[in-house]
Amino acid sequence: MAIKVLGSAIQSEPQENKIEERANPGQANQWNLPANADSADQRAILDALPALVFLERAGKIVFANTEARQMLGAADAEWVPRPIEEVLWGLLPGTAEPQTLLTGTQGGSPFHATLPAKNGRLLPVEGSYGITNAELRESVIVAHPGGRSRAPKTRLMEDVLASIPEAVAIELGNHVVYTNPAFTRMFGYPPEEAAGGSLRELIVPEARLAEHAMLATTANEQGCVMSETARRNKAGELVAVSLQMAPLLVDGARLGHVFTFRPICERKEPDPRLQHDALHDGLTGLPNNALFTDRVSLALSRRARRPDLACAVIYLDMDLFKEINDALGHAAGDVLLNSVAERLRGSLRPQDTAARMGGDTFAVLVEDLVCAADLEGIAERIWREMARPFDLFGHMIQSGASVGAAIAEPEHTVPDLLIRDAERAMCRSKQAGGGRCEMFRKYPKTRSYPQRMPSGVA
């Protein structure tokens, strides 16, 4: 069958098309393609084209030819429909700065976009976007790598952004599309490393994720938001910054955000509250994962100097937290987590440290242990506290916890190893049915305390 390419739509000769339709009366002729568009022959034709070919339906890319899949790093995988904004960034008019001089065709409109290629590269592409069925929101996209016949443009704005002392980052959606040299100096990420990622993953500390989401909401509602907060550089160090965040508006459409950062130390001493908040859980006030790991490291160092005194980690996970959260709502879940934190504080000695590791998981650092029996006593006390019912908005809830404990041995040279073994003991407790306390052993010999009260919702 002879095939013509009109703009970006692919159509067959009318007479042959009618013959095909009569031969296959039940077959839909979508995309203005030949009636055998779903056949192996038709797909072979699209796969053989030396261009990136995409078929879009209702905002999703439902087909990509071989050339496109190879560019995306999905050459051998079966194509799974995905939102168009995940495949071609800045495709819609006004969302990408023209890089080359293009003119429209009879069947489509020109566009410029960015394709997140394999190996993390961001590839400028250009081509034609042709609507084949407006009612069904179907279109054909034909593109090729950009970079040809550069359009004349001024570098004034880029030079201005590169010259200002504040760190500047621009996100399109949740993807970084621009950072200036000051951003690299402040956070350590060069433009090519930051591009395509998200600031949330690059520089926002774990304890500040909820704050980051709240700032984005406020910026969208009010047009701009300012905050003194802490962010993390590439080396993992906390940086106290004055942050300003505003929506990225293109032709009146909100497409992302513009961020500026200024180090607070240039103007004044960092607010002690910032340092505290960066190292503590925002809900319970307990130390977070980072601070807990640091304190375990210090405890291991002290143990090396005082081998007669041991240290240990207790790891616990609430058994029915998800069920309680689903049944009574997130507010009840937050009350439960705060109650767990209060009971931990009341169960520990002054030299011990309780921390929230994330979700419904907590850990305790126990220091100055004379023998393993001391650890077993503290772990059992914590387990019994967690077995008592919790009062959640008038409901007496009995959740229970799976508890694991590990005492530091000579092979525990870094905090992660000791925390890992305590977590392993907790997992054995949970696998055994939960509501237990397990002591870590190198071999599968454990001591456990089975829960005496049934868990459930009263």
Protein backbone atom coordinates (compact mmCIF):
# COMPACT_ATOMS: atom_id res chain seq x y z
CA MET A 1 0.00 0.00 0.00
CA ALA A 2 1.33 3.45 -0.86
CA ILE A 3 1.53 5.85 2.08
CA LYS A 4 1.73 9.63 2.10
CA VAL A 5 2.97 11.87 4.93
CA LEU A 6 0.92 15.07 5.15
CA GLY A 7 2.36 17.36 7.82
CA SER A 8 2.62 15.12 10.84
CA ALA A 9 -0.37 12.91 10.01
CA ILE A 10 0.14 9.66 8.08
CA GLN A 11 -2.66 8.81 5.62
CA SER A 12 -3.26 6.19 2.95
CA GLU A 13 -4.45 6.60 -0.61
CA PRO A 14 -8.25 7.10 -0.47
CA GLN A 15 -9.15 4.30 -2.89
CA GLU A 16 -6.97 1.70 -1.17
CA ASN A 17 -8.22 2.85 2.19
CA LYS A 18 -11.79 2.22 1.08
CA ILE A 19 -10.83 -1.25 -0.09
CA GLU A 20 -9.22 -1.98 3.31
CA GLU A 21 -12.28 -0.68 5.15
CA ARG A 22 -14.59 -2.88 3.08
CA ALA A 23 -12.34 -5.86 3.77
CA ASN A 24 -12.31 -5.14 7.49
CA PRO A 25 -15.66 -3.44 8.25
CA GLY A 26 -15.29 -3.82 12.05
CA GLN A 27 -11.87 -2.16 12.30
CA ALA A 28 -11.60 1.43 13.65
CA ASN A 29 -9.55 3.84 11.55
CA GLN A 30 -7.89 5.82 14.33
CA TRP A 31 -5.17 8.46 13.98
CA ASN A 32 -6.11 8.99 10.29
CA LEU A 33 -3.75 6.07 9.65
CA PRO A 34 -4.49 3.20 7.23
CA ALA A 35 -7.10 0.75 8.42
CA ASN A 36 -4.32 -1.71 9.25
CA ALA A 37 -2.64 0.77 11.64
CA ASP A 38 -2.57 -1.81 14.40
CA SER A 39 -0.99 -4.45 12.20
CA ALA A 40 2.60 -5.59 12.41
CA ASP A 41 3.23 -4.16 8.91
CA GLN A 42 2.04 -0.68 9.88
CA ARG A 43 4.06 -0.61 13.07
CA ALA A 44 7.09 -1.85 11.13
CA ILE A 45 6.71 1.19 8.85
CA LEU A 46 6.59 3.57 11.84
CA ASP A 47 9.54 1.82 13.47
CA ALA A 48 11.58 2.16 10.27
CA LEU A 49 11.18 5.94 10.07
CA PRO A 50 14.42 7.84 10.90
CA ALA A 51 12.54 10.18 13.27
CA LEU A 52 10.96 10.18 16.68
CA VAL A 53 7.29 9.28 16.20
CA PHE A 54 4.74 9.40 19.01
CA LEU A 55 0.99 8.81 19.00
CA GLU A 56 -0.95 10.72 21.65
CA ARG A 57 -4.43 10.08 22.96
CA ALA A 58 -6.11 12.17 25.70
CA GLY A 59 -2.85 13.56 27.05
CA LYS A 60 -0.94 10.25 27.05
CA ILE A 61 1.71 8.91 24.69
CA VAL A 62 0.28 5.53 23.70
CA PHE A 63 2.90 4.60 21.09
CA ALA A 64 6.56 5.41 20.46
CA ASN A 65 8.47 4.02 17.51
CA THR A 66 11.83 2.27 17.74
CA GLU A 67 13.85 5.45 17.23
CA ALA A 68 11.97 7.18 20.07
CA ARG A 69 12.22 4.21 22.43
CA GLN A 70 15.96 3.96 21.85
CA MET A 71 16.35 7.65 22.63
CA LEU A 72 14.36 7.18 25.86
CA GLY A 73 16.32 4.09 26.87
CA ALA A 74 13.31 1.79 26.49
CA ALA A 75 14.24 0.08 23.22
CA ASP A 76 13.67 -3.51 24.35
CA ALA A 77 10.67 -2.89 26.58
CA GLU A 78 7.03 -2.92 25.57
CA TRP A 79 5.75 0.66 25.52
CA VAL A 80 3.51 1.57 28.46
CA PRO A 81 1.27 4.63 28.00
CA ARG A 82 2.53 7.57 30.04
CA PRO A 83 1.60 11.25 30.41
CA ILE A 84 2.91 13.41 27.60
CA GLU A 85 4.64 15.78 30.05
CA GLU A 86 6.86 12.88 31.21
CA VAL A 87 8.06 12.22 27.67
CA LEU A 88 8.29 15.70 26.10
CA TRP A 89 8.90 18.50 28.56
CA GLY A 90 7.65 21.90 27.48
CA LEU A 91 5.76 20.62 24.45
CA LEU A 92 2.74 22.94 24.74
CA PRO A 93 3.04 26.38 23.11
CA GLY A 94 4.81 28.95 25.26
CA THR A 95 6.48 26.49 27.59
CA ALA A 96 9.85 26.28 25.84
CA GLU A 97 12.08 28.94 24.37
CA PRO A 98 12.49 28.52 20.58
CA GLN A 99 15.97 27.25 19.72
CA THR A 100 15.65 26.97 15.95
CA LEU A 101 13.63 28.58 13.20
CA LEU A 102 10.69 26.35 12.33
CA THR A 103 7.65 26.91 10.18
CA GLY A 104 4.33 25.14 10.27
CA THR A 105 3.29 22.45 7.84
CA GLN A 106 -0.04 21.74 6.23
CA GLY A 107 -0.94 19.06 8.77
CA GLY A 108 0.77 20.23 11.96
CA SER A 109 2.25 23.00 14.07
CA PRO A 110 5.96 23.32 14.92
CA PHE A 111 7.18 22.85 18.47
CA HIS A 112 10.32 22.76 20.59
CA ALA A 113 10.60 20.57 23.68
CA THR A 114 13.05 18.67 25.89
CA LEU A 115 13.24 14.88 25.96
CA PRO A 116 14.67 13.14 29.09
CA ALA A 117 16.93 10.71 27.24
CA LYS A 118 18.70 7.67 28.62
CA ASN A 119 21.66 8.08 31.00
CA GLY A 120 20.04 11.20 32.45
CA ARG A 121 20.72 13.43 29.43
CA LEU A 122 18.29 16.21 28.52
CA LEU A 123 17.93 16.34 24.73
CA PRO A 124 16.39 19.35 22.91
CA VAL A 125 13.98 18.15 20.22
CA GLU A 126 11.90 19.89 17.59
CA GLY A 127 9.27 18.80 15.15
CA SER A 128 5.62 18.94 14.18
CA TYR A 129 2.51 18.30 16.27
CA GLY A 130 -0.57 17.34 14.26
CA ILE A 131 -4.08 16.88 15.66
CA THR A 132 -5.84 14.01 13.92
CA ASN A 133 -9.06 13.89 15.93
CA ALA A 134 -9.90 16.88 18.12
CA GLU A 135 -12.94 15.23 19.69
CA LEU A 136 -10.96 12.19 20.85
CA ARG A 137 -7.86 14.33 21.56
CA GLU A 138 -5.68 12.26 19.25
CA SER A 139 -2.53 13.53 17.59
CA VAL A 140 0.67 12.47 15.84
CA ILE A 141 4.01 13.91 16.95
CA VAL A 142 7.04 13.67 14.68
CA ALA A 143 10.32 15.05 16.06
CA HIS A 144 14.10 14.97 15.71
CA PRO A 145 16.97 16.18 17.90
CA GLY A 146 17.26 19.97 17.86
CA GLY A 147 20.27 22.18 17.49
CA ARG A 148 19.98 23.06 13.81
CA SER A 149 19.84 26.55 12.37
CA ARG A 150 19.93 28.43 15.66
CA ALA A 151 17.48 31.25 15.96
CA PRO A 152 18.98 34.63 16.85
CA LYS A 153 18.39 35.44 20.52
CA THR A 154 19.80 37.67 23.21
CA ARG A 155 21.76 36.32 26.18
CA LEU A 156 20.88 39.33 28.31
CA MET A 157 18.53 37.48 30.69
CA GLU A 158 20.88 34.52 31.05
CA ASP A 159 23.80 36.85 31.77
CA VAL A 160 21.76 38.74 34.35
CA LEU A 161 20.81 35.53 36.20
CA ALA A 162 24.44 34.38 36.11
CA SER A 163 25.64 37.68 37.58
CA ILE A 164 23.37 38.08 40.61
CA PRO A 165 24.79 36.88 43.97
CA GLU A 166 21.69 34.88 44.99
CA ALA A 167 21.45 31.22 44.02
CA VAL A 168 18.69 30.81 41.42
CA ALA A 169 16.90 27.62 40.37
CA ILE A 170 13.94 27.24 38.00
CA GLU A 171 11.71 24.17 37.99
CA LEU A 172 9.35 23.29 35.14
CA GLY A 173 6.84 20.99 36.76
CA ASN A 174 9.07 19.09 39.19
CA HIS A 175 12.16 19.14 36.97
CA VAL A 176 15.06 21.60 37.27
CA VAL A 177 15.62 23.37 33.94
CA TYR A 178 18.02 26.13 35.05
CA THR A 179 20.51 26.87 37.84
CA ASN A 180 22.95 29.79 37.94
CA PRO A 181 26.62 29.69 39.03
CA ALA A 182 25.71 30.91 42.54
CA PHE A 183 23.52 27.80 42.97
CA THR A 184 26.52 25.61 42.12
CA ARG A 185 28.72 27.47 44.62
CA MET A 186 26.13 27.21 47.40
CA PHE A 187 24.94 23.62 46.95
CA GLY A 188 27.71 21.94 44.94
CA TYR A 189 25.56 20.74 42.00
CA PRO A 190 26.78 21.82 38.52
CA PRO A 191 24.01 22.63 36.00
CA GLU A 192 24.32 19.34 34.13
CA GLU A 193 23.92 17.37 37.36
CA ALA A 194 20.97 19.37 38.67
CA ALA A 195 19.13 19.45 35.32
CA GLY A 196 16.22 17.06 35.16
CA GLY A 197 16.18 16.37 38.89
CA SER A 198 13.94 17.97 41.51
CA LEU A 199 15.00 20.36 44.25
CA ARG A 200 12.96 18.26 46.67
CA GLU A 201 15.32 15.32 46.11
CA LEU A 202 18.52 17.36 45.66
CA ILE A 203 18.60 19.86 48.52
CA VAL A 204 15.55 19.48 50.81
CA PRO A 205 16.38 17.64 54.09
CA GLU A 206 14.05 14.83 55.10
CA ALA A 207 12.76 16.85 58.06
CA ARG A 208 11.84 19.72 55.69
CA LEU A 209 9.80 17.83 53.06
CA ALA A 210 6.45 18.84 54.54
CA GLU A 211 7.62 22.45 54.79
CA HIS A 212 8.70 22.40 51.13
CA ALA A 213 5.23 21.24 50.04
CA MET A 214 3.56 23.89 52.23
CA LEU A 215 5.74 26.65 50.76
CA ALA A 216 4.80 25.57 47.21
CA THR A 217 1.10 25.71 48.11
CA THR A 218 1.48 29.16 49.68
CA ALA A 219 3.45 30.47 46.69
CA ASN A 220 0.73 29.28 44.31
CA GLU A 221 -1.99 30.91 46.40
CA GLN A 222 -0.27 34.20 47.28
CA GLY A 223 2.11 34.66 44.34
CA CYS A 224 5.30 34.63 46.44
CA VAL A 225 6.55 33.25 49.76
CA MET A 226 9.70 33.87 51.83
CA SER A 227 11.16 31.71 54.59
CA GLU A 228 14.30 31.28 56.64
CA THR A 229 15.02 27.58 56.60
CA ALA A 230 17.73 24.98 56.07
CA ARG A 231 18.70 23.13 52.93
CA ARG A 232 21.27 20.39 52.26
CA ASN A 233 24.27 20.69 49.93
CA LYS A 234 25.78 17.91 47.83
CA ALA A 235 28.13 16.93 50.67
CA GLY A 236 25.15 16.39 52.99
CA GLU A 237 25.85 19.50 55.09
CA LEU A 238 23.01 21.73 56.24
CA VAL A 239 23.00 25.31 54.89
CA ALA A 240 20.92 28.00 56.62
CA VAL A 241 19.26 30.03 53.85
CA SER A 242 16.74 32.75 53.22
CA LEU A 243 14.49 31.28 50.53
CA GLN A 244 12.11 33.07 48.18
CA MET A 245 9.74 31.05 46.01
CA ALA A 246 7.35 32.24 43.29
CA PRO A 247 5.29 30.53 40.57
CA LEU A 248 6.78 30.28 37.07
CA LEU A 249 4.15 31.89 34.84
CA VAL A 250 4.24 31.54 31.04
CA ASP A 251 1.45 33.25 29.11
CA GLY A 252 -0.56 33.29 32.33
CA ALA A 253 -0.20 29.54 32.92
CA ARG A 254 1.50 28.30 36.12
CA LEU A 255 4.09 25.78 34.92
CA GLY A 256 6.57 25.53 37.79
CA HIS A 257 8.45 27.63 40.34
CA VAL A 258 11.38 30.05 40.55
CA PHE A 259 13.60 29.80 43.65
CA THR A 260 16.24 32.16 45.04
CA PHE A 261 18.49 31.38 48.01
CA ARG A 262 20.74 33.65 50.08
CA PRO A 263 22.97 32.30 52.88
CA ILE A 264 21.73 33.62 56.22
CA CYS A 265 25.27 33.72 57.60
CA GLU A 266 25.97 36.70 55.33
CA ARG A 267 23.51 38.79 57.36
CA LYS A 268 23.35 37.32 60.85
CA GLU A 269 24.06 34.28 62.97
CA PRO A 270 21.88 31.29 62.06
CA ASP A 271 18.71 31.00 64.12
CA PRO A 272 19.19 28.12 66.62
CA ARG A 273 15.61 27.07 65.89
CA LEU A 274 16.60 26.31 62.29
CA GLN A 275 19.33 23.95 63.44
CA HIS A 276 16.96 22.29 65.91
CA ASP A 277 14.19 21.86 63.35
CA ALA A 278 16.60 20.41 60.78
CA LEU A 279 17.66 17.67 63.21
CA HIS A 280 14.32 16.86 64.85
CA ASP A 281 11.06 15.32 63.67
CA GLY A 282 8.48 18.02 62.96
CA LEU A 283 5.56 16.02 64.42
CA THR A 284 6.90 14.41 67.60
CA GLY A 285 9.88 16.64 68.37
CA LEU A 286 12.12 13.58 68.70
CA PRO A 287 15.55 13.51 67.05
CA ASN A 288 15.33 12.48 63.40
CA ASN A 289 17.29 9.82 61.53
CA ALA A 290 20.30 12.09 60.90
CA LEU A 291 20.70 13.18 64.53
CA PHE A 292 20.12 9.65 65.84
CA THR A 293 22.80 8.23 63.54
CA ASP A 294 25.23 10.90 64.75
CA ARG A 295 24.55 10.04 68.38
CA VAL A 296 25.04 6.32 67.73
CA SER A 297 28.40 7.21 66.17
CA LEU A 298 29.42 9.13 69.29
CA ALA A 299 28.28 6.25 71.51
CA LEU A 300 30.42 3.79 69.54
CA SER A 301 33.41 6.11 69.94
CA ARG A 302 32.87 6.29 73.71
CA ARG A 303 32.54 2.50 73.88
CA ALA A 304 35.98 2.19 72.27
CA ARG A 305 37.41 4.26 75.14
CA ARG A 306 35.33 2.49 77.82
CA PRO A 307 35.05 -1.17 76.81
CA ASP A 308 33.48 -2.00 80.19
CA LEU A 309 30.34 -0.03 79.21
CA ALA A 310 28.33 -1.15 76.18
CA CYS A 311 25.72 0.56 74.02
CA ALA A 312 22.79 -0.82 72.03
CA VAL A 313 19.97 0.13 69.66
CA ILE A 314 16.31 -0.79 70.08
CA TYR A 315 14.16 -0.63 66.93
CA LEU A 316 10.35 -0.69 67.00
CA ASP A 317 7.53 -0.57 64.48
CA MET A 318 3.84 -0.11 65.38
CA ASP A 319 1.95 -3.21 64.31
CA LEU A 320 -1.47 -1.78 63.43
CA PHE A 321 -0.58 1.79 62.48
CA LYS A 322 -1.78 1.52 58.86
CA GLU A 323 -5.10 -0.02 59.91
CA ILE A 324 -5.63 2.67 62.54
CA ASN A 325 -4.71 5.41 60.07
CA ASP A 326 -7.13 4.03 57.48
CA ALA A 327 -9.97 3.51 59.97
CA LEU A 328 -9.75 6.74 61.99
CA GLY A 329 -7.87 9.11 59.64
CA HIS A 330 -4.47 10.80 59.57
CA ALA A 331 -5.27 12.98 62.58
CA ALA A 332 -5.68 9.89 64.74
CA GLY A 333 -2.46 8.51 63.29
CA ASP A 334 -0.62 11.68 64.29
CA VAL A 335 -2.03 11.46 67.83
CA LEU A 336 -0.85 7.84 68.02
CA LEU A 337 2.68 8.79 66.92
CA ASN A 338 2.86 11.59 69.48
CA SER A 339 1.62 9.20 72.19
CA VAL A 340 4.33 6.69 71.23
CA ALA A 341 6.94 9.45 71.51
CA GLU A 342 5.67 10.43 74.98
CA ARG A 343 5.76 6.84 76.22
CA LEU A 344 9.29 6.41 74.92
CA ARG A 345 10.42 9.53 76.75
CA GLY A 346 8.87 8.19 79.94
CA SER A 347 10.51 4.77 79.58
CA LEU A 348 14.11 5.88 79.10
CA ARG A 349 16.95 6.94 81.33
CA PRO A 350 18.41 10.46 80.96
CA GLN A 351 21.43 9.22 78.97
CA ASP A 352 19.32 7.35 76.40
CA THR A 353 17.99 8.79 73.12
CA ALA A 354 14.67 8.07 71.38
CA ALA A 355 14.19 9.02 67.72
CA ARG A 356 11.57 8.80 65.01
CA MET A 357 13.17 7.15 61.99
CA GLY A 358 10.23 7.78 59.68
CA GLY A 359 6.59 6.73 59.34
CA ASP A 360 5.62 4.60 62.35
CA THR A 361 9.19 3.45 63.01
CA PHE A 362 11.15 4.55 66.08
CA ALA A 363 14.58 3.75 67.50
CA VAL A 364 16.24 4.08 70.90
CA LEU A 365 19.95 4.42 71.69
CA VAL A 366 20.76 2.82 75.05
CA GLU A 367 24.13 3.70 76.60
CA ASP A 368 26.22 2.71 79.65
CA LEU A 369 25.06 -0.92 79.68
CA VAL A 370 26.89 -3.22 82.07
CA CYS A 371 25.46 -6.45 80.66
CA ALA A 372 22.99 -7.77 78.08
CA ALA A 373 20.37 -8.29 80.77
CA ASP A 374 20.15 -4.50 81.21
CA LEU A 375 19.25 -4.14 77.54
CA GLU A 376 16.65 -6.89 77.71
CA GLY A 377 14.99 -5.16 80.66
CA ILE A 378 14.78 -1.80 78.88
CA ALA A 379 13.52 -3.39 75.64
CA GLU A 380 10.82 -5.32 77.50
CA ARG A 381 9.75 -2.15 79.33
CA ILE A 382 9.34 -0.32 76.02
CA TRP A 383 7.45 -3.26 74.51
CA ARG A 384 5.03 -3.33 77.46
CA GLU A 385 4.42 0.43 77.14
CA MET A 386 3.52 -0.02 73.48
CA ALA A 387 1.15 -2.89 74.35
CA ARG A 388 -1.04 -0.65 76.50
CA PRO A 389 -4.13 0.81 74.73
CA PHE A 390 -3.95 4.33 73.25
CA ASP A 391 -6.76 6.86 73.67
CA LEU A 392 -7.45 8.26 70.19
CA PHE A 393 -10.40 10.67 70.15
CA GLY A 394 -12.33 8.53 72.61
CA HIS A 395 -11.44 5.21 70.99
CA MET A 396 -9.29 2.87 73.08
CA ILE A 397 -6.89 1.44 70.49
CA GLN A 398 -4.51 -1.39 71.20
CA SER A 399 -1.83 -1.35 68.53
CA GLY A 400 1.15 -3.15 69.95
CA ALA A 401 4.65 -3.02 68.49
CA SER A 402 7.27 -5.29 67.01
CA VAL A 403 10.52 -4.61 68.89
CA GLY A 404 14.08 -5.62 68.06
CA ALA A 405 17.30 -4.89 69.94
CA ALA A 406 21.00 -5.29 69.17
CA ILE A 407 23.94 -4.71 71.51
CA ALA A 408 27.15 -3.27 70.03
CA GLU A 409 29.83 -5.85 69.21
CA PRO A 410 33.39 -5.33 67.91
CA GLU A 411 32.19 -5.71 64.31
CA HIS A 412 29.81 -2.75 64.71
CA THR A 413 32.36 -0.18 63.61
CA VAL A 414 29.87 2.28 62.11
CA PRO A 415 26.34 3.30 63.22
CA ASP A 416 24.58 1.81 60.18
CA LEU A 417 25.73 -1.72 61.07
CA LEU A 418 24.33 -1.57 64.61
CA ILE A 419 21.06 0.04 63.47
CA ARG A 420 20.77 -2.58 60.72
CA ASP A 421 21.05 -5.48 63.17
CA ALA A 422 18.45 -3.96 65.50
CA GLU A 423 16.13 -3.56 62.52
CA ARG A 424 16.73 -7.20 61.55
CA ALA A 425 15.67 -8.31 65.02
CA MET A 426 12.53 -6.15 64.70
CA CYS A 427 11.74 -7.76 61.33
CA ARG A 428 12.03 -11.23 62.90
CA SER A 429 9.60 -10.10 65.58
CA LYS A 430 7.13 -8.89 62.94
CA GLN A 431 7.52 -12.07 60.87
CA ALA A 432 6.69 -14.10 63.99
CA GLY A 433 3.33 -12.34 64.20
CA GLY A 434 4.20 -9.01 65.81
CA GLY A 435 3.67 -7.88 69.37
CA ARG A 436 7.04 -9.36 70.38
CA CYS A 437 10.50 -8.30 71.47
CA GLU A 438 13.44 -10.05 69.82
CA MET A 439 17.13 -9.78 70.74
CA PHE A 440 19.54 -9.90 67.81
CA ARG A 441 21.92 -12.85 67.66
CA LYS A 442 24.44 -13.70 64.95
CA TYR A 443 22.73 -17.07 64.72
CA PRO A 444 18.98 -17.75 64.63
CA LYS A 445 18.80 -18.12 68.41
CA THR A 446 16.67 -15.39 69.96
CA ARG A 447 14.92 -14.52 73.15
CA SER A 448 11.41 -13.19 72.75
CA TYR A 449 8.62 -11.80 74.87
CA PRO A 450 5.23 -12.75 73.35
CA GLN A 451 2.47 -10.20 73.72
CA ARG A 452 -0.09 -11.18 76.33
CA MET A 453 -2.93 -8.95 75.18
CA PRO A 454 -4.70 -9.22 71.78
CA SER A 455 -4.21 -6.25 69.46
CA GLY A 456 -7.22 -4.53 67.99
CA VAL A 457 -9.58 -1.58 68.07
CA ALA A 458 -11.84 -1.25 71.09
